[in-house]
Each structure stands twice: as C-alpha cells, then as structure tokens.
C-alpha cells in the first residue's frame, strides 16, 4: 500500500505531505487521513514501539540500560 503511495507521488511529482485526503482514499481505502501521523520521520520512528524499536521511549530505555553497564564497569575499573 505504501509502495503504491510512493509510486503515485513519483508519477504525480509530489511529496507525501502534499497528497490530498481524496487522493489517499483513491490509492487505498485504508489510507485514511490518520495515516499522516506516520508519514514523517518522527511519526515512523514513534510507531516502532516494540522492544528494541526506534520509538523515543524505547531508545531512552536502551540508553539507560547502556549507561548502567558503563557506570558499573567504570566503578569496577576504578575499584
């Protein structure tokens, strides 16, 4: 579905944000205006909420876990 949308944009020489709601519906009935929330880099990243995903909260969890390991190893090395 998204592939069809991208091809449609290429054929019509436009960017994803420029596609009208009517054109989204013509491409696929499943492409409702709500899909715009994930048709951006921040939206696509936020949609990946599974463990290890790219959603900001998942990345923050991974950074916190890594920081804990670094702190533990630094304490060991200093001791």
PDB file of N, CA and C in Angstrom:
ATOM      1  N   UNK A   1       0.819  -1.183   0.000  1.00  0.00           N
ATOM      2  CA  UNK A   1       0.000   0.000   0.000  1.00  0.00           C
ATOM      3  C   UNK A   1       0.871   1.258   0.000  1.00  0.00           C
ATOM      4  N   UNK A   2       1.844   1.276   0.898  1.00  0.00           N
ATOM      5  CA  UNK A   2       2.736   2.442   0.957  1.00  0.00           C
ATOM      6  C   UNK A   2       3.557   2.530  -0.318  1.00  0.00           C
ATOM      7  N   UNK A   3       3.943   1.377  -0.846  1.00  0.00           N
ATOM      8  CA  UNK A   3       4.675   1.369  -2.116  1.00  0.00           C
ATOM      9  C   UNK A   3       3.864   2.001  -3.228  1.00  0.00           C
ATOM     10  N   UNK A   4       2.574   1.718  -3.268  1.00  0.00           N
ATOM     11  CA  UNK A   4       1.693   2.319  -4.271  1.00  0.00           C
ATOM     12  C   UNK A   4       1.624   3.831  -4.068  1.00  0.00           C
ATOM     13  N   UNK A   5       1.570   4.247  -2.815  1.00  0.00           N
ATOM     14  CA  UNK A   5       1.527   5.674  -2.499  1.00  0.00           C
ATOM     15  C   UNK A   5       2.806   6.366  -2.965  1.00  0.00           C
ATOM     16  N   UNK A   6       3.934   5.743  -2.731  1.00  0.00           N
ATOM     17  CA  UNK A   6       5.208   6.330  -3.152  1.00  0.00           C
ATOM     18  C   UNK A   6       5.274   6.419  -4.678  1.00  0.00           C
ATOM     19  N   UNK A   7       4.865   5.363  -5.364  1.00  0.00           N
ATOM     20  CA  UNK A   7       4.852   5.394  -6.828  1.00  0.00           C
ATOM     21  C   UNK A   7       3.901   6.479  -7.320  1.00  0.00           C
ATOM     22  N   UNK A   8       2.734   6.592  -6.692  1.00  0.00           N
ATOM     23  CA  UNK A   8       1.763   7.619  -7.068  1.00  0.00           C
ATOM     24  C   UNK A   8       2.404   9.002  -6.952  1.00  0.00           C
ATOM     25  N   UNK A   9       3.132   9.229  -5.863  1.00  0.00           N
ATOM     26  CA  UNK A   9       3.811  10.511  -5.669  1.00  0.00           C
ATOM     27  C   UNK A   9       4.860  10.754  -6.744  1.00  0.00           C
ATOM     28  N   UNK A  10       5.586   9.716  -7.120  1.00  0.00           N
ATOM     29  CA  UNK A  10       6.592   9.867  -8.165  1.00  0.00           C
ATOM     30  C   UNK A  10       5.938  10.213  -9.499  1.00  0.00           C
ATOM     31  N   UNK A  11       4.870   9.523  -9.825  1.00  0.00           N
ATOM     32  CA  UNK A  11       4.166   9.762 -11.090  1.00  0.00           C
ATOM     33  C   UNK A  11       3.583  11.178 -11.121  1.00  0.00           C
ATOM     34  N   UNK A  12       3.064  11.630  -9.989  1.00  0.00           N
ATOM     35  CA  UNK A  12       2.427  12.948  -9.919  1.00  0.00           C
ATOM     36  C   UNK A  12       3.378  14.046  -9.435  1.00  0.00           C
ATOM     37  N   UNK A  13       4.643  13.714  -9.303  1.00  0.00           N
ATOM     38  CA  UNK A  13       5.689  14.663  -8.932  1.00  0.00           C
ATOM     39  C   UNK A  13       5.308  15.489  -7.702  1.00  0.00           C
ATOM     40  N   UNK A  14       5.010  14.761  -6.615  1.00  0.00           N
ATOM     41  CA  UNK A  14       4.671  15.448  -5.368  1.00  0.00           C
ATOM     42  C   UNK A  14       5.267  14.676  -4.196  1.00  0.00           C
ATOM     43  N   UNK A  15       5.282  15.318  -3.049  1.00  0.00           N
ATOM     44  CA  UNK A  15       5.786  14.704  -1.825  1.00  0.00           C
ATOM     45  C   UNK A  15       4.625  14.134  -1.020  1.00  0.00           C
ATOM     46  N   UNK A  16       4.920  13.207  -0.130  1.00  0.00           N
ATOM     47  CA  UNK A  16       3.870  12.573   0.675  1.00  0.00           C
ATOM     48  C   UNK A  16       2.961  13.579   1.386  1.00  0.00           C
ATOM     49  N   UNK A  17       3.508  14.626   2.007  1.00  0.00           N
ATOM     50  CA  UNK A  17       2.612  15.570   2.700  1.00  0.00           C
ATOM     51  C   UNK A  17       1.657  16.315   1.761  1.00  0.00           C
ATOM     52  N   UNK A  18       1.974  16.324   0.473  1.00  0.00           N
ATOM     53  CA  UNK A  18       1.157  17.059  -0.496  1.00  0.00           C
ATOM     54  C   UNK A  18      -0.020  16.261  -1.035  1.00  0.00           C
ATOM     55  N   UNK A  19      -0.107  14.989  -0.721  1.00  0.00           N
ATOM     56  CA  UNK A  19      -1.194  14.147  -1.227  1.00  0.00           C
ATOM     57  C   UNK A  19      -2.474  14.512  -0.477  1.00  0.00           C
ATOM     58  N   UNK A  20      -3.525  14.783  -1.228  1.00  0.00           N
ATOM     59  CA  UNK A  20      -4.796  15.166  -0.599  1.00  0.00           C
ATOM     60  C   UNK A  20      -5.469  13.950   0.034  1.00  0.00           C
ATOM     61  N   UNK A  21      -6.404  14.209   0.927  1.00  0.00           N
ATOM     62  CA  UNK A  21      -7.173  13.126   1.548  1.00  0.00           C
ATOM     63  C   UNK A  21      -7.924  12.336   0.478  1.00  0.00           C
ATOM     64  N   UNK A  22      -8.439  13.018  -0.520  1.00  0.00           N
ATOM     65  CA  UNK A  22      -9.168  12.351  -1.599  1.00  0.00           C
ATOM     66  C   UNK A  22      -8.254  11.419  -2.385  1.00  0.00           C
ATOM     67  N   UNK A  23      -7.048  11.884  -2.669  1.00  0.00           N
ATOM     68  CA  UNK A  23      -6.098  11.034  -3.398  1.00  0.00           C
ATOM     69  C   UNK A  23      -5.665   9.846  -2.548  1.00  0.00           C
ATOM     70  N   UNK A  24      -5.481  10.054  -1.242  1.00  0.00           N
ATOM     71  CA  UNK A  24      -5.163   8.927  -0.358  1.00  0.00           C
ATOM     72  C   UNK A  24      -6.247   7.859  -0.473  1.00  0.00           C
ATOM     73  N   UNK A  25      -7.507   8.284  -0.411  1.00  0.00           N
ATOM     74  CA  UNK A  25      -8.625   7.342  -0.484  1.00  0.00           C
ATOM     75  C   UNK A  25      -8.689   6.648  -1.838  1.00  0.00           C
ATOM     76  N   UNK A  26      -8.312   7.346  -2.912  1.00  0.00           N
ATOM     77  CA  UNK A  26      -8.301   6.731  -4.248  1.00  0.00           C
ATOM     78  C   UNK A  26      -7.211   5.668  -4.352  1.00  0.00           C
ATOM     79  N   UNK A  27      -6.095   5.915  -3.707  1.00  0.00           N
ATOM     80  CA  UNK A  27      -4.990   4.955  -3.751  1.00  0.00           C
ATOM     81  C   UNK A  27      -5.371   3.700  -2.979  1.00  0.00           C
ATOM     82  N   UNK A  28      -5.971   3.884  -1.798  1.00  0.00           N
ATOM     83  CA  UNK A  28      -6.436   2.750  -0.991  1.00  0.00           C
ATOM     84  C   UNK A  28      -7.428   3.258   0.051  1.00  0.00           C
ATOM     85  N   UNK A  29      -8.492   2.521   0.239  1.00  0.00           N
ATOM     86  CA  UNK A  29      -9.488   2.887   1.252  1.00  0.00           C
ATOM     87  C   UNK A  29      -8.884   2.857   2.659  1.00  0.00           C
ATOM     88  N   UNK A  30      -7.805   2.109   2.826  1.00  0.00           N
ATOM     89  CA  UNK A  30      -7.152   2.016   4.134  1.00  0.00           C
ATOM     90  C   UNK A  30      -6.267   3.222   4.435  1.00  0.00           C
ATOM     91  N   UNK A  31      -5.988   4.033   3.434  1.00  0.00           N
ATOM     92  CA  UNK A  31      -5.157   5.229   3.641  1.00  0.00           C
ATOM     93  C   UNK A  31      -6.056   6.393   4.040  1.00  0.00           C
ATOM     94  N   UNK A  32      -6.422   6.407   5.304  1.00  0.00           N
ATOM     95  CA  UNK A  32      -7.255   7.479   5.839  1.00  0.00           C
ATOM     96  C   UNK A  32      -6.362   8.663   6.214  1.00  0.00           C
ATOM     97  N   UNK A  33      -6.936   9.823   6.465  1.00  0.00           N
ATOM     98  CA  UNK A  33      -6.114  10.971   6.865  1.00  0.00           C
ATOM     99  C   UNK A  33      -5.259  10.700   8.109  1.00  0.00           C
ATOM    100  N   UNK A  34      -5.679   9.768   8.948  1.00  0.00           N
ATOM    101  CA  UNK A  34      -4.895   9.427  10.147  1.00  0.00           C
ATOM    102  C   UNK A  34      -3.511   8.890   9.806  1.00  0.00           C
ATOM    103  N   UNK A  35      -3.347   8.365   8.603  1.00  0.00           N
ATOM    104  CA  UNK A  35      -2.059   7.780   8.209  1.00  0.00           C
ATOM    105  C   UNK A  35      -0.960   8.846   8.164  1.00  0.00           C
ATOM    106  N   UNK A  36      -1.356  10.094   8.068  1.00  0.00           N
ATOM    107  CA  UNK A  36      -0.362  11.182   8.013  1.00  0.00           C
ATOM    108  C   UNK A  36       0.525  11.212   9.254  1.00  0.00           C
ATOM    109  N   UNK A  37       0.008  10.692  10.364  1.00  0.00           N
ATOM    110  CA  UNK A  37       0.789  10.677  11.604  1.00  0.00           C
ATOM    111  C   UNK A  37       2.067   9.866  11.474  1.00  0.00           C
ATOM    112  N   UNK A  38       2.071   8.853  10.608  1.00  0.00           N
ATOM    113  CA  UNK A  38       3.264   8.017  10.450  1.00  0.00           C
ATOM    114  C   UNK A  38       3.989   8.263   9.133  1.00  0.00           C
ATOM    115  N   UNK A  39       3.523   9.234   8.346  1.00  0.00           N
ATOM    116  CA  UNK A  39       4.172   9.537   7.073  1.00  0.00           C
ATOM    117  C   UNK A  39       5.218  10.631   7.223  1.00  0.00           C
ATOM    118  N   UNK A  40       5.921  10.593   8.334  1.00  0.00           N
ATOM    119  CA  UNK A  40       7.026  11.514   8.582  1.00  0.00           C
ATOM    120  C   UNK A  40       8.098  10.721   9.321  1.00  0.00           C
ATOM    121  N   UNK A  41       9.283  11.243   9.348  1.00  0.00           N
ATOM    122  CA  UNK A  41      10.352  10.545  10.058  1.00  0.00           C
ATOM    123  C   UNK A  41      10.017  10.401  11.542  1.00  0.00           C
ATOM    124  N   UNK A  42       9.617  11.489  12.234  1.00  0.00           N
ATOM    125  CA  UNK A  42       9.274  11.307  13.654  1.00  0.00           C
ATOM    126  C   UNK A  42       8.107  10.334  13.852  1.00  0.00           C
ATOM    127  N   UNK A  43       7.118  10.405  12.979  1.00  0.00           N
ATOM    128  CA  UNK A  43       5.971   9.505  13.097  1.00  0.00           C
ATOM    129  C   UNK A  43       6.346   8.057  12.857  1.00  0.00           C
ATOM    130  N   UNK A  44       7.197   7.828  11.872  1.00  0.00           N
ATOM    131  CA  UNK A  44       7.634   6.458  11.582  1.00  0.00           C
ATOM    132  C   UNK A  44       8.464   5.898  12.731  1.00  0.00           C
ATOM    133  N   UNK A  45       9.341   6.722  13.299  1.00  0.00           N
ATOM    134  CA  UNK A  45      10.151   6.271  14.431  1.00  0.00           C
ATOM    135  C   UNK A  45       9.272   5.953  15.634  1.00  0.00           C
ATOM    136  N   UNK A  46       8.319   6.836  15.928  1.00  0.00           N
ATOM    137  CA  UNK A  46       7.456   6.653  17.090  1.00  0.00           C
ATOM    138  C   UNK A  46       6.570   5.423  16.956  1.00  0.00           C
ATOM    139  N   UNK A  47       6.271   5.031  15.730  1.00  0.00           N
ATOM    140  CA  UNK A  47       5.397   3.869  15.509  1.00  0.00           C
ATOM    141  C   UNK A  47       6.085   2.552  15.859  1.00  0.00           C
ATOM    142  N   UNK A  48       7.397   2.551  15.968  1.00  0.00           N
ATOM    143  CA  UNK A  48       8.147   1.323  16.260  1.00  0.00           C
ATOM    144  C   UNK A  48       8.328   1.196  17.766  1.00  0.00           C
ATOM    145  N   UNK A  49       7.282   0.744  18.458  1.00  0.00           N
ATOM    146  CA  UNK A  49       7.294   0.721  19.931  1.00  0.00           C
ATOM    147  C   UNK A  49       7.685  -0.623  20.519  1.00  0.00           C
ATOM    148  N   UNK A  50       7.954  -1.608  19.685  1.00  0.00           N
ATOM    149  CA  UNK A  50       8.329  -2.927  20.190  1.00  0.00           C
ATOM    150  C   UNK A  50       9.690  -2.845  20.887  1.00  0.00           C
ATOM    151  N   UNK A  51       9.990  -3.838  21.718  1.00  0.00           N
ATOM    152  CA  UNK A  51      11.271  -3.891  22.424  1.00  0.00           C
ATOM    153  C   UNK A  51      12.407  -3.756  21.417  1.00  0.00           C
ATOM    154  N   UNK A  52      13.301  -2.825  21.670  1.00  0.00           N
ATOM    155  CA  UNK A  52      14.433  -2.607  20.774  1.00  0.00           C
ATOM    156  C   UNK A  52      14.095  -1.735  19.588  1.00  0.00           C
ATOM    157  N   UNK A  53      12.879  -1.204  19.559  1.00  0.00           N
ATOM    158  CA  UNK A  53      12.440  -0.384  18.436  1.00  0.00           C
ATOM    159  C   UNK A  53      13.004   1.023  18.467  1.00  0.00           C
ATOM    160  N   UNK A  54      12.578   1.828  17.494  1.00  0.00           N
ATOM    161  CA  UNK A  54      13.113   3.176  17.335  1.00  0.00           C
ATOM    162  C   UNK A  54      12.270   4.253  17.990  1.00  0.00           C
ATOM    163  N   UNK A  55      11.163   3.882  18.635  1.00  0.00           N
ATOM    164  CA  UNK A  55      10.350   4.887  19.322  1.00  0.00           C
ATOM    165  C   UNK A  55      11.204   5.571  20.384  1.00  0.00           C
ATOM    166  N   UNK A  56      11.030   6.869  20.554  1.00  0.00           N
ATOM    167  CA  UNK A  56      11.878   7.596  21.509  1.00  0.00           C
ATOM    168  C   UNK A  56      11.921   6.957  22.900  1.00  0.00           C
ATOM    169  N   UNK A  57      10.792   6.447  23.383  1.00  0.00           N
ATOM    170  CA  UNK A  57      10.818   5.826  24.716  1.00  0.00           C
ATOM    171  C   UNK A  57      11.650   4.541  24.721  1.00  0.00           C
ATOM    172  N   UNK A  58      11.655   3.797  23.616  1.00  0.00           N
ATOM    173  CA  UNK A  58      12.470   2.575  23.539  1.00  0.00           C
ATOM    174  C   UNK A  58      13.951   2.932  23.476  1.00  0.00           C
ATOM    175  N   UNK A  59      14.290   3.962  22.722  1.00  0.00           N
ATOM    176  CA  UNK A  59      15.685   4.396  22.640  1.00  0.00           C
ATOM    177  C   UNK A  59      16.161   4.883  24.011  1.00  0.00           C
ATOM    178  N   UNK A  60      15.307   5.614  24.729  1.00  0.00           N
ATOM    179  CA  UNK A  60      15.665   6.079  26.066  1.00  0.00           C
ATOM    180  C   UNK A  60      15.918   4.903  27.003  1.00  0.00           C
ATOM    181  N   UNK A  61      15.106   3.841  26.894  1.00  0.00           N
ATOM    182  CA  UNK A  61      15.325   2.645  27.707  1.00  0.00           C
ATOM    183  C   UNK A  61      16.670   2.007  27.389  1.00  0.00           C
ATOM    184  N   UNK A  62      16.989   1.920  26.107  1.00  0.00           N
ATOM    185  CA  UNK A  62      18.253   1.308  25.698  1.00  0.00           C
ATOM    186  C   UNK A  62      19.444   2.137  26.173  1.00  0.00           C
ATOM    187  N   UNK A  63      19.314   3.464  26.083  1.00  0.00           N
ATOM    188  CA  UNK A  63      20.390   4.327  26.570  1.00  0.00           C
ATOM    189  C   UNK A  63      20.573   4.200  28.072  1.00  0.00           C
ATOM    190  N   UNK A  64      19.469   4.114  28.803  1.00  0.00           N
ATOM    191  CA  UNK A  64      19.557   3.961  30.264  1.00  0.00           C
ATOM    192  C   UNK A  64      20.222   2.642  30.626  1.00  0.00           C
ATOM    193  N   UNK A  65      19.877   1.582  29.919  1.00  0.00           N
ATOM    194  CA  UNK A  65      20.489   0.274  30.188  1.00  0.00           C
ATOM    195  C   UNK A  65      21.983   0.308  29.884  1.00  0.00           C
ATOM    196  N   UNK A  66      22.352   0.927  28.790  1.00  0.00           N
ATOM    197  CA  UNK A  66      23.767   1.039  28.437  1.00  0.00           C
ATOM    198  C   UNK A  66      24.512   1.875  29.458  1.00  0.00           C
ATOM    199  N   UNK A  67      23.909   2.979  29.902  1.00  0.00           N
ATOM    200  CA  UNK A  67      24.556   3.837  30.894  1.00  0.00           C
ATOM    201  C   UNK A  67      24.790   3.075  32.190  1.00  0.00           C
ATOM    202  N   UNK A  68      23.849   2.227  32.569  1.00  0.00           N
ATOM    203  CA  UNK A  68      24.011   1.426  33.790  1.00  0.00           C
ATOM    204  C   UNK A  68      25.202   0.489  33.655  1.00  0.00           C
ATOM    205  N   UNK A  69      25.367  -0.134  32.488  1.00  0.00           N
ATOM    206  CA  UNK A  69      26.504  -1.028  32.261  1.00  0.00           C
ATOM    207  C   UNK A  69      27.815  -0.244  32.301  1.00  0.00           C
ATOM    208  N   UNK A  70      27.826   0.904  31.662  1.00  0.00           N
ATOM    209  CA  UNK A  70      29.045   1.740  31.641  1.00  0.00           C
ATOM    210  C   UNK A  70      29.401   2.166  33.058  1.00  0.00           C
ATOM    211  N   UNK A  71      28.409   2.606  33.821  1.00  0.00           N
ATOM    212  CA  UNK A  71      28.668   3.035  35.199  1.00  0.00           C
ATOM    213  C   UNK A  71      29.205   1.875  36.030  1.00  0.00           C
ATOM    214  N   UNK A  72      28.618   0.701  35.872  1.00  0.00           N
ATOM    215  CA  UNK A  72      29.074  -0.469  36.619  1.00  0.00           C
ATOM    216  C   UNK A  72      30.511  -0.833  36.262  1.00  0.00           C
ATOM    217  N   UNK A  73      30.824  -0.806  34.960  1.00  0.00           N
ATOM    218  CA  UNK A  73      32.183  -1.133  34.528  1.00  0.00           C
ATOM    219  C   UNK A  73      33.183  -0.067  34.977  1.00  0.00           C
ATOM    220  N   UNK A  74      32.761   1.188  34.965  1.00  0.00           N
ATOM    221  CA  UNK A  74      33.648   2.269  35.414  1.00  0.00           C
ATOM    222  C   UNK A  74      33.934   2.117  36.913  1.00  0.00           C
ATOM    223  N   UNK A  75      32.934   1.745  37.677  1.00  0.00           N
ATOM    224  CA  UNK A  75      33.131   1.536  39.110  1.00  0.00           C
ATOM    225  C   UNK A  75      34.070   0.372  39.349  1.00  0.00           C
ATOM    226  N   UNK A  76      33.922  -0.696  38.583  1.00  0.00           N
ATOM    227  CA  UNK A  76      34.799  -1.856  38.710  1.00  0.00           C
ATOM    228  C   UNK A  76      36.243  -1.467  38.384  1.00  0.00           C
ATOM    229  N   UNK A  77      36.421  -0.697  37.277  1.00  0.00           N
ATOM    230  CA  UNK A  77      37.763  -0.300  36.852  1.00  0.00           C
ATOM    231  C   UNK A  77      38.418   0.635  37.873  1.00  0.00           C
ATOM    232  N   UNK A  78      37.612   1.462  38.515  1.00  0.00           N
ATOM    233  CA  UNK A  78      38.154   2.411  39.492  1.00  0.00           C
ATOM    234  C   UNK A  78      38.476   1.736  40.809  1.00  0.00           C
ATOM    235  N   UNK A  79      37.842   0.590  41.045  1.00  0.00           N
ATOM    236  CA  UNK A  79      37.991  -0.074  42.340  1.00  0.00           C
ATOM    237  C   UNK A  79      39.135  -0.974  42.356  1.00  0.00           C
TER     238      UNK A  79
END
